[in-house]
PDB file of N, CA and C in Angstrom:
ATOM      1  N   MET A   1      -6.928  -6.349  10.225  1.00  0.00           N
ATOM      2  CA  MET A   1      -6.300  -5.259   9.518  1.00  0.00           C
ATOM      3  C   MET A   1      -4.792  -5.475   9.585  1.00  0.00           C
ATOM      4  N   ALA A   2      -4.162  -5.546   8.422  1.00  0.00           N
ATOM      5  CA  ALA A   2      -2.742  -5.861   8.360  1.00  0.00           C
ATOM      6  C   ALA A   2      -1.839  -4.668   8.641  1.00  0.00           C
ATOM      7  N   ASN A   3      -2.259  -3.469   8.238  1.00  0.00           N
ATOM      8  CA  ASN A   3      -1.413  -2.282   8.383  1.00  0.00           C
ATOM      9  C   ASN A   3      -2.278  -1.095   8.823  1.00  0.00           C
ATOM     10  N   PRO A   4      -2.659  -1.055  10.106  1.00  0.00           N
ATOM     11  CA  PRO A   4      -3.554   0.010  10.577  1.00  0.00           C
ATOM     12  C   PRO A   4      -2.844   1.355  10.721  1.00  0.00           C
ATOM     13  N   THR A   5      -3.630   2.436  10.590  1.00  0.00           N
ATOM     14  CA  THR A   5      -3.097   3.773  10.824  1.00  0.00           C
ATOM     15  C   THR A   5      -2.822   3.967  12.307  1.00  0.00           C
ATOM     16  N   SER A   6      -1.944   4.903  12.601  1.00  0.00           N
ATOM     17  CA  SER A   6      -1.704   5.348  13.974  1.00  0.00           C
ATOM     18  C   SER A   6      -2.390   6.693  14.136  1.00  0.00           C
ATOM     19  N   ALA A   7      -2.849   6.974  15.339  1.00  0.00           N
ATOM     20  CA  ALA A   7      -3.527   8.247  15.593  1.00  0.00           C
ATOM     21  C   ALA A   7      -2.564   9.408  15.398  1.00  0.00           C
ATOM     22  N   ALA A   8      -3.058  10.467  14.759  1.00  0.00           N
ATOM     23  CA  ALA A   8      -2.297  11.700  14.565  1.00  0.00           C
ATOM     24  C   ALA A   8      -3.296  12.841  14.676  1.00  0.00           C
ATOM     25  N   GLY A   9      -3.555  13.275  15.897  1.00  0.00           N
ATOM     26  CA  GLY A   9      -4.625  14.244  16.116  1.00  0.00           C
ATOM     27  C   GLY A   9      -5.953  13.555  15.870  1.00  0.00           C
ATOM     28  N   ASP A  10      -6.810  14.146  15.050  1.00  0.00           N
ATOM     29  CA  ASP A  10      -8.085  13.526  14.692  1.00  0.00           C
ATOM     30  C   ASP A  10      -7.956  12.673  13.441  1.00  0.00           C
ATOM     31  N   ASN A  11      -6.764  12.553  12.906  1.00  0.00           N
ATOM     32  CA  ASN A  11      -6.536  11.833  11.658  1.00  0.00           C
ATOM     33  C   ASN A  11      -5.710  10.581  11.910  1.00  0.00           C
ATOM     34  N   GLY A  12      -5.409   9.851  10.846  1.00  0.00           N
ATOM     35  CA  GLY A  12      -4.557   8.675  10.937  1.00  0.00           C
ATOM     36  C   GLY A  12      -3.348   8.848  10.042  1.00  0.00           C
ATOM     37  N   VAL A  13      -2.278   8.110  10.323  1.00  0.00           N
ATOM     38  CA  VAL A  13      -1.059   8.217   9.537  1.00  0.00           C
ATOM     39  C   VAL A  13      -0.407   6.838   9.446  1.00  0.00           C
ATOM     40  N   SER A  14       0.198   6.557   8.282  1.00  0.00           N
ATOM     41  CA  SER A  14       0.935   5.306   8.122  1.00  0.00           C
ATOM     42  C   SER A  14       2.336   5.469   8.702  1.00  0.00           C
ATOM     43  N   GLY A  15       3.107   4.393   8.735  1.00  0.00           N
ATOM     44  CA  GLY A  15       4.441   4.408   9.325  1.00  0.00           C
ATOM     45  C   GLY A  15       5.420   5.313   8.602  1.00  0.00           C
ATOM     46  N   THR A  16       6.463   5.732   9.315  1.00  0.00           N
ATOM     47  CA  THR A  16       7.522   6.558   8.749  1.00  0.00           C
ATOM     48  C   THR A  16       8.873   5.906   9.023  1.00  0.00           C
ATOM     49  N   CYS A  17       9.893   6.339   8.289  1.00  0.00           N
ATOM     50  CA  CYS A  17      11.236   5.777   8.450  1.00  0.00           C
ATOM     51  C   CYS A  17      12.249   6.717   7.800  1.00  0.00           C
ATOM     52  N   THR A  18      13.527   6.396   7.953  1.00  0.00           N
ATOM     53  CA  THR A  18      14.586   7.169   7.309  1.00  0.00           C
ATOM     54  C   THR A  18      14.681   6.753   5.837  1.00  0.00           C
ATOM     55  N   PRO A  19      15.335   7.548   4.984  1.00  0.00           N
ATOM     56  CA  PRO A  19      15.486   7.153   3.582  1.00  0.00           C
ATOM     57  C   PRO A  19      16.162   5.787   3.410  1.00  0.00           C
ATOM     58  N   ALA A  20      17.176   5.494   4.207  1.00  0.00           N
ATOM     59  CA  ALA A  20      17.855   4.201   4.112  1.00  0.00           C
ATOM     60  C   ALA A  20      16.918   3.056   4.504  1.00  0.00           C
ATOM     61  N   GLU A  21      16.134   3.276   5.569  1.00  0.00           N
ATOM     62  CA  GLU A  21      15.171   2.253   5.986  1.00  0.00           C
ATOM     63  C   GLU A  21      14.094   2.046   4.921  1.00  0.00           C
ATOM     64  N   LEU A  22      13.693   3.142   4.261  1.00  0.00           N
ATOM     65  CA  LEU A  22      12.680   3.041   3.207  1.00  0.00           C
ATOM     66  C   LEU A  22      13.183   2.156   2.073  1.00  0.00           C
ATOM     67  N   GLN A  23      14.443   2.330   1.665  1.00  0.00           N
ATOM     68  CA  GLN A  23      15.000   1.492   0.593  1.00  0.00           C
ATOM     69  C   GLN A  23      15.028   0.029   1.017  1.00  0.00           C
ATOM     70  N   THR A  24      15.372  -0.237   2.273  1.00  0.00           N
ATOM     71  CA  THR A  24      15.372  -1.606   2.792  1.00  0.00           C
ATOM     72  C   THR A  24      13.970  -2.183   2.757  1.00  0.00           C
ATOM     73  N   GLN A  25      12.965  -1.372   3.128  1.00  0.00           N
ATOM     74  CA  GLN A  25      11.579  -1.830   3.112  1.00  0.00           C
ATOM     75  C   GLN A  25      11.116  -2.158   1.700  1.00  0.00           C
ATOM     76  N   ILE A  26      11.455  -1.298   0.744  1.00  0.00           N
ATOM     77  CA  ILE A  26      11.057  -1.526  -0.648  1.00  0.00           C
ATOM     78  C   ILE A  26      11.709  -2.806  -1.164  1.00  0.00           C
ATOM     79  N   ASP A  27      12.987  -3.013  -0.849  1.00  0.00           N
ATOM     80  CA  ASP A  27      13.695  -4.218  -1.288  1.00  0.00           C
ATOM     81  C   ASP A  27      13.087  -5.489  -0.701  1.00  0.00           C
ATOM     82  N   ALA A  28      12.436  -5.387   0.468  1.00  0.00           N
ATOM     83  CA  ALA A  28      11.878  -6.564   1.152  1.00  0.00           C
ATOM     84  C   ALA A  28      10.476  -6.934   0.674  1.00  0.00           C
ATOM     85  N   ILE A  29       9.859  -6.107  -0.174  1.00  0.00           N
ATOM     86  CA  ILE A  29       8.510  -6.398  -0.674  1.00  0.00           C
ATOM     87  C   ILE A  29       8.588  -7.577  -1.641  1.00  0.00           C
ATOM     88  N   THR A  30       7.690  -8.541  -1.467  1.00  0.00           N
ATOM     89  CA  THR A  30       7.658  -9.713  -2.342  1.00  0.00           C
ATOM     90  C   THR A  30       6.277  -9.852  -2.967  1.00  0.00           C
ATOM     91  N   GLY A  31       6.175 -10.647  -4.024  1.00  0.00           N
ATOM     92  CA  GLY A  31       4.903 -10.900  -4.687  1.00  0.00           C
ATOM     93  C   GLY A  31       4.559  -9.804  -5.673  1.00  0.00           C
ATOM     94  N   SER A  32       3.288  -9.765  -6.084  1.00  0.00           N
ATOM     95  CA  SER A  32       2.840  -8.777  -7.054  1.00  0.00           C
ATOM     96  C   SER A  32       1.405  -8.351  -6.771  1.00  0.00           C
ATOM     97  N   ILE A  33       1.077  -7.156  -7.206  1.00  0.00           N
ATOM     98  CA  ILE A  33      -0.294  -6.651  -7.065  1.00  0.00           C
ATOM     99  C   ILE A  33      -1.245  -7.509  -7.888  1.00  0.00           C
ATOM    100  N   SER A  34      -0.896  -7.779  -9.154  1.00  0.00           N
ATOM    101  CA  SER A  34      -1.805  -8.526 -10.022  1.00  0.00           C
ATOM    102  C   SER A  34      -1.983  -9.962  -9.559  1.00  0.00           C
ATOM    103  N   GLY A  35      -0.988 -10.513  -8.869  1.00  0.00           N
ATOM    104  CA  GLY A  35      -1.094 -11.874  -8.358  1.00  0.00           C
ATOM    105  C   GLY A  35      -1.768 -11.949  -6.997  1.00  0.00           C
ATOM    106  N   SER A  36      -2.138 -10.794  -6.448  1.00  0.00           N
ATOM    107  CA  SER A  36      -2.789 -10.700  -5.131  1.00  0.00           C
ATOM    108  C   SER A  36      -1.971 -11.364  -4.035  1.00  0.00           C
ATOM    109  N   ASP A  37      -0.645 -11.339  -4.166  1.00  0.00           N
ATOM    110  CA  ASP A  37       0.212 -11.962  -3.156  1.00  0.00           C
ATOM    111  C   ASP A  37       1.340 -11.028  -2.710  1.00  0.00           C
ATOM    112  N   LEU A  38       1.106  -9.725  -2.805  1.00  0.00           N
ATOM    113  CA  LEU A  38       2.107  -8.751  -2.360  1.00  0.00           C
ATOM    114  C   LEU A  38       2.265  -8.874  -0.854  1.00  0.00           C
ATOM    115  N   SER A  39       3.497  -8.855  -0.372  1.00  0.00           N
ATOM    116  CA  SER A  39       3.764  -9.019   1.054  1.00  0.00           C
ATOM    117  C   SER A  39       4.887  -8.082   1.482  1.00  0.00           C
ATOM    118  N   SER A  40       4.769  -7.543   2.691  1.00  0.00           N
ATOM    119  CA  SER A  40       5.767  -6.632   3.229  1.00  0.00           C
ATOM    120  C   SER A  40       5.879  -6.844   4.732  1.00  0.00           C
ATOM    121  N   THR A  41       7.021  -6.467   5.286  1.00  0.00           N
ATOM    122  CA  THR A  41       7.216  -6.593   6.726  1.00  0.00           C
ATOM    123  C   THR A  41       7.138  -5.247   7.429  1.00  0.00           C
ATOM    124  N   GLU A  42       6.890  -4.180   6.696  1.00  0.00           N
ATOM    125  CA  GLU A  42       6.972  -2.843   7.265  1.00  0.00           C
ATOM    126  C   GLU A  42       5.618  -2.142   7.336  1.00  0.00           C
ATOM    127  N   THR A  43       5.588  -0.886   7.829  1.00  0.00           N
ATOM    128  CA  THR A  43       4.333  -0.175   8.064  1.00  0.00           C
ATOM    129  C   THR A  43       4.092   1.006   7.133  1.00  0.00           C
ATOM    130  N   THR A  44       4.979   1.230   6.147  1.00  0.00           N
ATOM    131  CA  THR A  44       4.703   2.266   5.162  1.00  0.00           C
ATOM    132  C   THR A  44       3.490   1.838   4.339  1.00  0.00           C
ATOM    133  N   ALA A  45       2.754   2.795   3.789  1.00  0.00           N
ATOM    134  CA  ALA A  45       1.546   2.474   3.018  1.00  0.00           C
ATOM    135  C   ALA A  45       1.912   2.010   1.609  1.00  0.00           C
ATOM    136  N   ILE A  46       1.307   0.926   1.165  1.00  0.00           N
ATOM    137  CA  ILE A  46       1.497   0.422  -0.195  1.00  0.00           C
ATOM    138  C   ILE A  46       0.168   0.561  -0.925  1.00  0.00           C
ATOM    139  N   ARG A  47       0.194   1.294  -2.020  1.00  0.00           N
ATOM    140  CA  ARG A  47      -1.028   1.562  -2.788  1.00  0.00           C
ATOM    141  C   ARG A  47      -0.851   1.004  -4.191  1.00  0.00           C
ATOM    142  N   GLY A  48      -1.733   0.087  -4.577  1.00  0.00           N
ATOM    143  CA  GLY A  48      -1.660  -0.525  -5.894  1.00  0.00           C
ATOM    144  C   GLY A  48      -2.371   0.301  -6.947  1.00  0.00           C
ATOM    145  N   SER A  49      -1.815   0.319  -8.151  1.00  0.00           N
ATOM    146  CA  SER A  49      -2.444   1.011  -9.272  1.00  0.00           C
ATOM    147  C   SER A  49      -3.619   0.192  -9.790  1.00  0.00           C
ATOM    148  N   VAL A  50      -4.673   0.861 -10.171  1.00  0.00           N
ATOM    149  CA  VAL A  50      -5.820   0.176 -10.760  1.00  0.00           C
ATOM    150  C   VAL A  50      -5.850   0.381 -12.270  1.00  0.00           C
ATOM    151  N   ALA A  51      -4.802   0.993 -12.802  1.00  0.00           N
ATOM    152  CA  ALA A  51      -4.756   1.297 -14.231  1.00  0.00           C
ATOM    153  C   ALA A  51      -4.604   0.039 -15.077  1.00  0.00           C
ATOM    154  N   LYS A  52      -5.251   0.045 -16.211  1.00  0.00           N
ATOM    155  CA  LYS A  52      -5.083  -0.997 -17.219  1.00  0.00           C
ATOM    156  C   LYS A  52      -4.946  -0.299 -18.563  1.00  0.00           C
ATOM    157  N   THR A  53      -4.264  -0.934 -19.467  1.00  0.00           N
ATOM    158  CA  THR A  53      -4.108  -0.368 -20.797  1.00  0.00           C
ATOM    159  C   THR A  53      -5.102  -1.047 -21.721  1.00  0.00           C
ATOM    160  N   ALA A  54      -6.011  -0.299 -22.261  1.00  0.00           N
ATOM    161  CA  ALA A  54      -7.037  -0.857 -23.145  1.00  0.00           C
ATOM    162  C   ALA A  54      -6.430  -1.213 -24.498  1.00  0.00           C
ATOM    163  N   LYS A  55      -6.716  -2.417 -24.982  1.00  0.00           N
ATOM    164  CA  LYS A  55      -6.221  -2.854 -26.283  1.00  0.00           C
ATOM    165  C   LYS A  55      -7.321  -2.824 -27.329  1.00  0.00           C
ATOM    166  N   GLY A  56      -8.523  -2.619 -26.892  1.00  0.00           N
ATOM    167  CA  GLY A  56      -9.635  -2.620 -27.824  1.00  0.00           C
ATOM    168  C   GLY A  56     -10.849  -3.246 -27.180  1.00  0.00           C
ATOM    169  N   PHE A  57     -11.988  -2.987 -27.694  1.00  0.00           N
ATOM    170  CA  PHE A  57     -13.233  -3.491 -27.116  1.00  0.00           C
ATOM    171  C   PHE A  57     -13.259  -5.014 -27.114  1.00  0.00           C
ATOM    172  N   GLY A  58     -13.522  -5.599 -25.955  1.00  0.00           N
ATOM    173  CA  GLY A  58     -13.674  -7.043 -25.845  1.00  0.00           C
ATOM    174  C   GLY A  58     -12.383  -7.823 -25.675  1.00  0.00           C
ATOM    175  N   SER A  59     -11.233  -7.182 -25.762  1.00  0.00           N
ATOM    176  CA  SER A  59      -9.974  -7.919 -25.597  1.00  0.00           C
ATOM    177  C   SER A  59      -9.557  -7.930 -24.133  1.00  0.00           C
ATOM    178  N   ALA A  60      -8.817  -8.966 -23.759  1.00  0.00           N
ATOM    179  CA  ALA A  60      -8.347  -9.094 -22.382  1.00  0.00           C
ATOM    180  C   ALA A  60      -7.280  -8.039 -22.096  1.00  0.00           C
ATOM    181  N   VAL A  61      -7.318  -7.491 -20.902  1.00  0.00           N
ATOM    182  CA  VAL A  61      -6.337  -6.496 -20.479  1.00  0.00           C
ATOM    183  C   VAL A  61      -5.714  -6.977 -19.175  1.00  0.00           C
ATOM    184  N   ALA A  62      -4.410  -7.069 -19.148  1.00  0.00           N
ATOM    185  CA  ALA A  62      -3.707  -7.546 -17.957  1.00  0.00           C
ATOM    186  C   ALA A  62      -3.780  -6.527 -16.828  1.00  0.00           C
ATOM    187  N   ALA A  63      -3.862  -7.013 -15.597  1.00  0.00           N
ATOM    188  CA  ALA A  63      -3.854  -6.135 -14.429  1.00  0.00           C
ATOM    189  C   ALA A  63      -2.465  -5.526 -14.251  1.00  0.00           C
ATOM    190  N   SER A  64      -2.408  -4.352 -13.681  1.00  0.00           N
ATOM    191  CA  SER A  64      -1.159  -3.639 -13.466  1.00  0.00           C
ATOM    192  C   SER A  64      -0.389  -4.223 -12.280  1.00  0.00           C
ATOM    193  N   ASN A  65       0.932  -4.205 -12.357  1.00  0.00           N
ATOM    194  CA  ASN A  65       1.794  -4.584 -11.240  1.00  0.00           C
ATOM    195  C   ASN A  65       2.445  -3.352 -10.619  1.00  0.00           C
ATOM    196  N   VAL A  66       1.951  -2.174 -10.959  1.00  0.00           N
ATOM    197  CA  VAL A  66       2.515  -0.919 -10.462  1.00  0.00           C
ATOM    198  C   VAL A  66       1.959  -0.623  -9.069  1.00  0.00           C
ATOM    199  N   PHE A  67       2.854  -0.249  -8.146  1.00  0.00           N
ATOM    200  CA  PHE A  67       2.416   0.158  -6.818  1.00  0.00           C
ATOM    201  C   PHE A  67       3.341   1.244  -6.312  1.00  0.00           C
ATOM    202  N   SER A  68       2.866   1.991  -5.339  1.00  0.00           N
ATOM    203  CA  SER A  68       3.686   3.025  -4.717  1.00  0.00           C
ATOM    204  C   SER A  68       3.836   2.715  -3.233  1.00  0.00           C
ATOM    205  N   VAL A  69       4.951   3.147  -2.673  1.00  0.00           N
ATOM    206  CA  VAL A  69       5.220   3.000  -1.243  1.00  0.00           C
ATOM    207  C   VAL A  69       5.326   4.409  -0.682  1.00  0.00           C
ATOM    208  N   THR A  70       4.470   4.720   0.285  1.00  0.00           N
ATOM    209  CA  THR A  70       4.426   6.067   0.844  1.00  0.00           C
ATOM    210  C   THR A  70       4.570   6.010   2.357  1.00  0.00           C
ATOM    211  N   GLN A  71       5.530   6.729   2.897  1.00  0.00           N
ATOM    212  CA  GLN A  71       5.659   6.787   4.346  1.00  0.00           C
ATOM    213  C   GLN A  71       4.943   8.023   4.862  1.00  0.00           C
ATOM    214  N   GLY A  72       4.384   7.916   6.051  1.00  0.00           N
ATOM    215  CA  GLY A  72       3.699   9.049   6.664  1.00  0.00           C
ATOM    216  C   GLY A  72       2.446   9.468   5.911  1.00  0.00           C
ATOM    217  N   LEU A  73       1.802   8.536   5.192  1.00  0.00           N
ATOM    218  CA  LEU A  73       0.587   8.860   4.445  1.00  0.00           C
ATOM    219  C   LEU A  73      -0.508   9.264   5.416  1.00  0.00           C
ATOM    220  N   ARG A  74      -1.043  10.476   5.251  1.00  0.00           N
ATOM    221  CA  ARG A  74      -2.069  11.000   6.165  1.00  0.00           C
ATOM    222  C   ARG A  74      -3.455  10.646   5.666  1.00  0.00           C
ATOM    223  N   PHE A  75      -4.314  10.311   6.595  1.00  0.00           N
ATOM    224  CA  PHE A  75      -5.701   9.994   6.295  1.00  0.00           C
ATOM    225  C   PHE A  75      -6.601  10.978   7.027  1.00  0.00           C
ATOM    226  N   ALA A  76      -7.636  11.462   6.373  1.00  0.00           N
ATOM    227  CA  ALA A  76      -8.566  12.408   6.983  1.00  0.00           C
ATOM    228  C   ALA A  76      -9.587  11.697   7.862  1.00  0.00           C
ATOM    229  N   TYR A  77      -9.587  10.393   7.830  1.00  0.00           N
ATOM    230  CA  TYR A  77     -10.574   9.624   8.580  1.00  0.00           C
ATOM    231  C   TYR A  77      -9.865   8.603   9.469  1.00  0.00           C
ATOM    232  N   HIS A  78      -9.829   8.851  10.729  1.00  0.00           N
ATOM    233  CA  HIS A  78      -9.298   7.921  11.727  1.00  0.00           C
ATOM    234  C   HIS A  78     -10.312   7.863  12.861  1.00  0.00           C
ATOM    235  N   ASN A  79     -10.642   9.049  13.380  1.00  0.00           N
ATOM    236  CA  ASN A  79     -11.714   9.210  14.371  1.00  0.00           C
ATOM    237  C   ASN A  79     -11.696   8.171  15.488  1.00  0.00           C
ATOM    238  N   GLY A  80     -10.520   7.889  16.021  1.00  0.00           N
ATOM    239  CA  GLY A  80     -10.420   6.959  17.143  1.00  0.00           C
ATOM    240  C   GLY A  80     -10.373   5.496  16.738  1.00  0.00           C
ATOM    241  N   THR A  81     -10.615   5.201  15.473  1.00  0.00           N
ATOM    242  CA  THR A  81     -10.564   3.831  14.995  1.00  0.00           C
ATOM    243  C   THR A  81      -9.610   3.761  13.814  1.00  0.00           C
ATOM    244  N   SER A  82      -8.665   2.836  13.869  1.00  0.00           N
ATOM    245  CA  SER A  82      -7.697   2.692  12.787  1.00  0.00           C
ATOM    246  C   SER A  82      -8.373   2.281  11.489  1.00  0.00           C
ATOM    247  N   VAL A  83      -7.777   2.686  10.367  1.00  0.00           N
ATOM    248  CA  VAL A  83      -8.196   2.238   9.045  1.00  0.00           C
ATOM    249  C   VAL A  83      -6.998   1.578   8.371  1.00  0.00           C
ATOM    250  N   GLU A  84      -7.242   0.785   7.354  1.00  0.00           N
ATOM    251  CA  GLU A  84      -6.175   0.098   6.617  1.00  0.00           C
ATOM    252  C   GLU A  84      -5.401   1.112   5.781  1.00  0.00           C
ATOM    253  N   CYS A  85      -4.057   1.086   5.889  1.00  0.00           N
ATOM    254  CA  CYS A  85      -3.208   2.004   5.123  1.00  0.00           C
ATOM    255  C   CYS A  85      -3.028   1.560   3.678  1.00  0.00           C
ATOM    256  N   ASP A  86      -3.093   0.260   3.421  1.00  0.00           N
ATOM    257  CA  ASP A  86      -2.814  -0.279   2.102  1.00  0.00           C
ATOM    258  C   ASP A  86      -4.076  -0.404   1.263  1.00  0.00           C
ATOM    259  N   ALA A  87      -3.920  -0.277  -0.043  1.00  0.00           N
ATOM    260  CA  ALA A  87      -5.055  -0.477  -0.949  1.00  0.00           C
ATOM    261  C   ALA A  87      -4.542  -1.147  -2.221  1.00  0.00           C
ATOM    262  N   PRO A  88      -4.943  -2.384  -2.499  1.00  0.00           N
ATOM    263  CA  PRO A  88      -5.719  -3.248  -1.612  1.00  0.00           C
ATOM    264  C   PRO A  88      -4.863  -3.690  -0.429  1.00  0.00           C
ATOM    265  N   ALA A  89      -5.487  -4.313   0.565  1.00  0.00           N
ATOM    266  CA  ALA A  89      -4.745  -4.749   1.752  1.00  0.00           C
ATOM    267  C   ALA A  89      -3.592  -5.659   1.365  1.00  0.00           C
ATOM    268  N   VAL A  90      -2.447  -5.470   2.007  1.00  0.00           N
ATOM    269  CA  VAL A  90      -1.242  -6.235   1.728  1.00  0.00           C
ATOM    270  C   VAL A  90      -0.922  -7.100   2.953  1.00  0.00           C
ATOM    271  N   THR A  91      -0.542  -8.345   2.712  1.00  0.00           N
ATOM    272  CA  THR A  91      -0.160  -9.241   3.802  1.00  0.00           C
ATOM    273  C   THR A  91       1.083  -8.711   4.486  1.00  0.00           C
ATOM    274  N   ARG A  92       1.076  -8.650   5.810  1.00  0.00           N
ATOM    275  CA  ARG A  92       2.238  -8.207   6.576  1.00  0.00           C
ATOM    276  C   ARG A  92       2.800  -9.412   7.302  1.00  0.00           C
ATOM    277  N   THR A  93       4.078  -9.706   7.061  1.00  0.00           N
ATOM    278  CA  THR A  93       4.713 -10.881   7.676  1.00  0.00           C
ATOM    279  C   THR A  93       5.804 -10.498   8.630  1.00  0.00           C
TER     280      THR A  93
END
């Protein structure tokens, strides 16, 4: 697991930081969601968009490169065992 939740009561939570640190973390993200090579050095949650724009039946549709970075993302399921904060999982370097 590259970016596990931390315990927060009976739930899990992703990393938190100051606004300035958040901007530094966003600037340090490399790669792309569609290329499956997104990489980050921090613990904020990165969630990739699954949206695609339909062009018509049977035509190819490119994968989205849109993602969000969320600090302090709360999870209702931790129960003593960490879960992955990122979706899909992101390489942490």
